[in-house]
């Protein structure tokens, strides 16, 4: 595993690289409040099977820079980061038509990028997501906007909570993302910093603010139905909290994925059930 750094227009994107020089190229995109190390279980398996995997930290996550002070964090902006990273990799490392591998939020961003640029992507693998969620809901636009504006007015960039030890920070994350401690530890370590007062998560607090804008379900399904590279969907069985929305089956029908795989596990099944996820991916990309 190698640490990488890519200069983008807004700042620096950090990431991790496995299997440098291998034939198949995979750009891995993590979920909301996670980071590149969420692929520490899956990526080595792919690298051992002729894949070069680069997992990036989206801005405000992991070790990547945060957006400038005073700027709102729009999730759609992550598509710009994908575009910049892929342009850099094509120009500097001769990446041609890579595979996009996204988990949760990363899967939603992969869908949006590949809908705009299907010719630039060989295949896409979507773990635990079928587009941006939650979508805009009718008659709630004004209420959601007011909530976002109030949160923005009162937000603070500085984290106030400190953990006495790394172990206590890991245990705190385990309360919201249950899995074996040794599996989640790399991701927590990458997303935390040590200060004089103790350990603090580096995550940009603006990520917790309600979005000022949400796509309508019509727009999301329009993107799902657009021309796209061959697509694989991998979901947890039983269906996890992340996919408990009423339009799930409609979105799946619009997407028309070539591969739809259910694997027993939880929302982060690519971490705590990495071997089965790898087997499914390997069958799809070979």
Protein backbone atom coordinates (compact mmCIF):
# COMPACT_ATOMS: atom_id res chain seq x y z
CA UNK A 1 0.00 0.00 0.00
CA UNK A 2 1.29 3.42 -1.02
CA UNK A 3 0.17 6.90 0.02
CA UNK A 4 -0.64 9.29 -2.83
CA UNK A 5 -1.40 12.99 -3.22
CA UNK A 6 -3.17 14.70 -6.14
CA UNK A 7 -3.42 18.46 -6.59
CA UNK A 8 -6.91 19.65 -7.53
CA UNK A 9 -8.34 23.11 -8.15
CA UNK A 10 -9.72 23.44 -4.62
CA UNK A 11 -6.73 21.86 -2.86
CA UNK A 12 -5.10 18.48 -2.32
CA UNK A 13 -6.74 15.07 -2.53
CA UNK A 14 -5.00 12.32 -0.59
CA UNK A 15 -5.38 8.63 -1.18
CA UNK A 16 -4.06 5.09 -0.99
CA UNK A 17 -2.77 2.90 -3.82
CA UNK A 18 -2.47 -0.87 -4.10
CA UNK A 19 -1.04 -2.97 -6.95
CA UNK A 20 0.69 -0.16 -8.83
CA UNK A 21 1.28 -1.10 -12.47
CA UNK A 22 -1.31 -3.88 -12.59
CA UNK A 23 -3.44 -4.09 -15.72
CA UNK A 24 -6.97 -3.31 -14.51
CA UNK A 25 -7.41 0.18 -13.05
CA UNK A 26 -9.96 0.82 -10.29
CA UNK A 27 -10.82 4.14 -8.68
CA UNK A 28 -12.46 3.46 -5.31
CA UNK A 29 -14.85 6.03 -3.82
CA UNK A 30 -15.80 5.86 -0.16
CA UNK A 31 -19.02 6.67 1.66
CA UNK A 32 -20.14 9.66 3.71
CA UNK A 33 -17.95 10.27 6.78
CA UNK A 34 -15.65 7.37 5.78
CA UNK A 35 -12.32 7.59 3.92
CA UNK A 36 -9.96 5.72 1.60
CA UNK A 37 -9.01 3.22 4.31
CA UNK A 38 -12.52 1.75 4.15
CA UNK A 39 -11.09 -0.25 1.22
CA UNK A 40 -8.17 -1.68 3.22
CA UNK A 41 -9.79 -5.12 3.32
CA UNK A 42 -11.04 -5.30 -0.27
CA UNK A 43 -8.28 -3.51 -2.23
CA UNK A 44 -5.43 -5.93 -1.38
CA UNK A 45 -7.53 -8.84 -2.74
CA UNK A 46 -8.12 -6.95 -5.96
CA UNK A 47 -4.43 -5.99 -6.18
CA UNK A 48 -3.46 -9.65 -5.84
CA UNK A 49 -5.60 -10.33 -8.90
CA UNK A 50 -4.00 -7.91 -11.38
CA UNK A 51 -5.87 -4.76 -10.33
CA UNK A 52 -4.35 -1.41 -9.50
CA UNK A 53 -6.61 0.25 -6.96
CA UNK A 54 -6.53 3.91 -5.97
CA UNK A 55 -8.87 4.93 -3.17
CA UNK A 56 -9.22 8.65 -2.59
CA UNK A 57 -10.35 10.67 0.40
CA UNK A 58 -13.05 13.06 -0.76
CA UNK A 59 -12.47 16.62 0.44
CA UNK A 60 -13.35 17.01 4.11
CA UNK A 61 -12.67 13.31 4.73
CA UNK A 62 -9.57 11.38 5.76
CA UNK A 63 -6.40 13.30 5.02
CA UNK A 64 -7.67 15.41 2.12
CA UNK A 65 -7.99 19.15 2.45
CA UNK A 66 -11.28 20.72 3.46
CA UNK A 67 -13.15 23.22 1.37
CA UNK A 68 -12.22 26.83 2.07
CA UNK A 69 -13.71 28.59 5.06
CA UNK A 70 -17.06 30.14 4.22
CA UNK A 71 -17.89 27.62 1.50
CA UNK A 72 -20.84 25.25 1.68
CA UNK A 73 -20.12 21.56 1.11
CA UNK A 74 -22.33 20.35 -1.74
CA UNK A 75 -22.21 16.61 -2.35
CA UNK A 76 -22.49 17.12 -6.11
CA UNK A 77 -19.09 18.82 -5.93
CA UNK A 78 -17.50 15.41 -5.35
CA UNK A 79 -18.22 14.63 -9.00
CA UNK A 80 -15.82 17.46 -9.85
CA UNK A 81 -13.19 15.78 -7.68
CA UNK A 82 -13.67 12.48 -9.50
CA UNK A 83 -13.25 14.30 -12.82
CA UNK A 84 -10.04 16.00 -11.67
CA UNK A 85 -8.55 12.83 -10.21
CA UNK A 86 -9.30 10.82 -13.36
CA UNK A 87 -7.83 13.56 -15.54
CA UNK A 88 -4.66 13.51 -13.42
CA UNK A 89 -4.41 9.70 -13.57
CA UNK A 90 -4.93 9.64 -17.34
CA UNK A 91 -2.31 12.32 -17.90
CA UNK A 92 0.31 11.17 -15.39
CA UNK A 93 -0.22 7.42 -15.00
CA UNK A 94 -1.79 6.54 -18.36
CA UNK A 95 -5.08 5.35 -16.90
CA UNK A 96 -7.50 4.57 -19.73
CA UNK A 97 -11.16 3.70 -19.10
CA UNK A 98 -10.85 2.65 -15.44
CA UNK A 99 -13.45 0.90 -13.33
CA UNK A 100 -15.34 2.98 -10.77
CA UNK A 101 -15.95 1.23 -7.44
CA UNK A 102 -18.17 3.18 -5.08
CA UNK A 103 -19.65 2.54 -1.66
CA UNK A 104 -22.73 4.42 -0.45
CA UNK A 105 -22.15 8.13 -1.20
CA UNK A 106 -19.23 7.11 -3.40
CA UNK A 107 -21.57 4.90 -5.43
CA UNK A 108 -23.97 7.82 -5.92
CA UNK A 109 -21.11 10.00 -7.15
CA UNK A 110 -19.92 7.21 -9.48
CA UNK A 111 -23.40 7.00 -11.03
CA UNK A 112 -23.46 10.74 -11.66
CA UNK A 113 -19.99 10.86 -13.18
CA UNK A 114 -20.51 7.84 -15.44
CA UNK A 115 -23.89 9.14 -16.62
CA UNK A 116 -22.09 12.24 -17.89
CA UNK A 117 -19.03 10.38 -19.22
CA UNK A 118 -19.97 6.76 -20.02
CA UNK A 119 -17.26 6.51 -22.68
CA UNK A 120 -14.54 7.21 -20.11
CA UNK A 121 -15.45 4.33 -17.77
CA UNK A 122 -15.04 0.62 -18.44
CA UNK A 123 -17.39 -0.65 -15.74
CA UNK A 124 -18.94 0.62 -12.52
CA UNK A 125 -19.54 -1.27 -9.28
CA UNK A 126 -22.08 0.19 -6.88
CA UNK A 127 -22.09 -1.06 -3.30
CA UNK A 128 -25.07 -0.16 -1.17
CA UNK A 129 -26.48 2.72 -3.19
CA UNK A 130 -28.59 3.49 -6.25
CA UNK A 131 -28.14 7.24 -6.48
CA UNK A 132 -28.34 10.29 -4.20
CA UNK A 133 -30.46 9.79 -1.10
CA UNK A 134 -32.65 11.14 0.27
CA UNK A 135 -34.14 12.74 -2.80
CA UNK A 136 -36.12 15.97 -2.76
CA UNK A 137 -39.62 15.40 -1.38
CA UNK A 138 -42.62 17.34 -2.68
CA UNK A 139 -43.93 20.11 -0.40
CA UNK A 140 -40.82 20.03 1.80
CA UNK A 141 -38.46 22.27 -0.17
CA UNK A 142 -39.03 25.41 1.89
CA UNK A 143 -38.83 23.53 5.18
CA UNK A 144 -35.56 21.81 4.21
CA UNK A 145 -34.05 25.06 2.97
CA UNK A 146 -34.90 26.84 6.22
CA UNK A 147 -33.34 24.00 8.22
CA UNK A 148 -30.15 24.18 6.14
CA UNK A 149 -29.92 27.96 6.48
CA UNK A 150 -30.36 27.78 10.25
CA UNK A 151 -27.70 25.09 10.54
CA UNK A 152 -25.33 27.13 8.36
CA UNK A 153 -25.84 30.23 10.48
CA UNK A 154 -24.97 28.34 13.65
CA UNK A 155 -22.27 26.00 12.39
CA UNK A 156 -18.73 25.89 13.76
CA UNK A 157 -15.80 24.34 11.91
CA UNK A 158 -13.91 23.35 15.04
CA UNK A 159 -14.61 20.00 16.65
CA UNK A 160 -15.24 20.37 20.37
CA UNK A 161 -15.13 16.74 21.42
CA UNK A 162 -11.85 15.08 22.32
CA UNK A 163 -11.13 11.40 22.95
CA UNK A 164 -8.62 10.44 25.61
CA UNK A 165 -7.21 7.64 23.48
CA UNK A 166 -7.33 6.19 20.00
CA UNK A 167 -9.12 3.20 21.43
CA UNK A 168 -11.94 5.35 22.79
CA UNK A 169 -12.32 7.02 19.38
CA UNK A 170 -12.51 3.62 17.70
CA UNK A 171 -15.16 2.48 20.18
CA UNK A 172 -17.18 5.63 19.49
CA UNK A 173 -17.21 4.89 15.77
CA UNK A 174 -18.11 1.27 16.42
CA UNK A 175 -21.33 2.42 18.10
CA UNK A 176 -22.58 3.80 14.78
CA UNK A 177 -20.76 1.37 12.47
CA UNK A 178 -20.72 -2.04 14.20
CA UNK A 179 -18.09 -4.49 12.96
CA UNK A 180 -14.94 -6.20 14.18
CA UNK A 181 -12.61 -3.70 15.82
CA UNK A 182 -9.58 -4.71 13.79
CA UNK A 183 -11.50 -4.06 10.55
CA UNK A 184 -12.62 -0.54 11.37
CA UNK A 185 -9.34 0.57 12.98
CA UNK A 186 -7.50 1.61 9.75
CA UNK A 187 -10.39 3.83 8.72
CA UNK A 188 -10.60 5.50 12.13
CA UNK A 189 -6.83 6.04 12.26
CA UNK A 190 -6.92 7.74 8.86
CA UNK A 191 -9.73 10.04 9.90
CA UNK A 192 -8.37 11.20 13.23
CA UNK A 193 -5.65 13.49 14.52
CA UNK A 194 -3.83 13.74 17.84
CA UNK A 195 -3.83 17.09 19.65
CA UNK A 196 -2.60 18.34 23.02
CA UNK A 197 -6.10 17.80 24.42
CA UNK A 198 -6.55 14.33 22.97
CA UNK A 199 -7.75 12.73 19.73
CA UNK A 200 -10.17 14.44 17.35
CA UNK A 201 -11.84 13.39 14.12
CA UNK A 202 -10.65 15.44 11.14
CA UNK A 203 -13.97 15.21 9.27
CA UNK A 204 -15.32 18.54 8.03
CA UNK A 205 -18.26 19.41 10.28
CA UNK A 206 -20.06 21.04 7.35
CA UNK A 207 -20.78 17.52 6.10
CA UNK A 208 -23.44 17.31 8.82
CA UNK A 209 -25.41 20.31 7.56
CA UNK A 210 -28.65 19.61 5.70
CA UNK A 211 -28.16 20.10 1.97
CA UNK A 212 -29.36 23.39 0.50
CA UNK A 213 -30.40 21.53 -2.63
CA UNK A 214 -31.64 18.02 -3.33
CA UNK A 215 -32.25 16.36 -6.65
CA UNK A 216 -35.80 15.34 -7.44
CA UNK A 217 -36.51 11.65 -7.87
CA UNK A 218 -37.27 12.37 -11.52
CA UNK A 219 -33.75 13.77 -12.08
CA UNK A 220 -32.13 10.86 -10.23
CA UNK A 221 -34.01 8.27 -12.27
CA UNK A 222 -33.18 10.19 -15.45
CA UNK A 223 -29.49 9.85 -14.56
CA UNK A 224 -29.92 6.16 -13.76
CA UNK A 225 -31.57 5.55 -17.14
CA UNK A 226 -28.87 7.39 -19.10
CA UNK A 227 -26.25 5.61 -21.20
CA UNK A 228 -23.77 4.05 -18.83
CA UNK A 229 -20.95 1.51 -18.67
CA UNK A 230 -21.75 -2.08 -17.64
CA UNK A 231 -22.93 -1.91 -14.04
CA UNK A 232 -22.84 -4.19 -11.02
CA UNK A 233 -24.92 -3.56 -7.90
CA UNK A 234 -23.95 -5.21 -4.62
CA UNK A 235 -26.31 -4.86 -1.67
CA UNK A 236 -26.53 -6.22 1.85
CA UNK A 237 -29.06 -8.92 2.68
CA UNK A 238 -31.36 -8.16 4.45
CA UNK A 239 -31.71 -4.69 2.94
CA UNK A 240 -29.82 -2.17 5.07
CA UNK A 241 -31.03 1.17 6.46
CA UNK A 242 -29.27 2.98 3.60
CA UNK A 243 -31.63 1.52 0.98
CA UNK A 244 -34.91 1.88 2.85
CA UNK A 245 -36.53 4.31 0.46
CA UNK A 246 -39.78 3.78 -1.46
CA UNK A 247 -38.34 4.17 -4.96
CA UNK A 248 -35.69 1.44 -4.60
CA UNK A 249 -37.30 -0.93 -7.10
CA UNK A 250 -38.00 1.89 -9.56
CA UNK A 251 -34.37 2.99 -9.44
CA UNK A 252 -33.15 -0.56 -9.90
CA UNK A 253 -35.38 -0.95 -12.97
CA UNK A 254 -34.06 2.30 -14.46
CA UNK A 255 -30.45 1.32 -13.82
CA UNK A 256 -30.74 -2.05 -15.62
CA UNK A 257 -27.58 -3.40 -14.03
CA UNK A 258 -25.88 -6.35 -15.71
CA UNK A 259 -25.11 -7.85 -12.29
CA UNK A 260 -27.19 -7.64 -9.11
CA UNK A 261 -25.70 -9.39 -6.08
CA UNK A 262 -27.08 -9.80 -2.58
CA UNK A 263 -24.59 -10.64 0.16
CA UNK A 264 -25.39 -11.28 3.78
CA UNK A 265 -24.08 -8.42 5.87
CA UNK A 266 -24.50 -4.78 6.78
CA UNK A 267 -24.12 -1.40 5.06
CA UNK A 268 -20.30 -1.66 5.21
CA UNK A 269 -20.23 -5.22 3.87
CA UNK A 270 -17.22 -4.37 1.66
CA UNK A 271 -15.30 -4.09 4.93
CA UNK A 272 -16.67 -6.81 7.20
CA UNK A 273 -17.55 -9.24 4.40
CA UNK A 274 -14.80 -8.26 1.98
CA UNK A 275 -14.05 -11.76 0.68
CA UNK A 276 -17.56 -12.38 -0.67
CA UNK A 277 -17.67 -8.88 -2.13
CA UNK A 278 -14.32 -9.54 -3.84
CA UNK A 279 -15.59 -12.80 -5.35
CA UNK A 280 -18.62 -11.01 -6.79
CA UNK A 281 -16.49 -8.18 -8.22
CA UNK A 282 -13.94 -10.57 -9.68
CA UNK A 283 -16.65 -12.45 -11.59
CA UNK A 284 -17.96 -9.17 -12.98
CA UNK A 285 -14.69 -7.60 -14.11
CA UNK A 286 -12.79 -10.66 -15.34
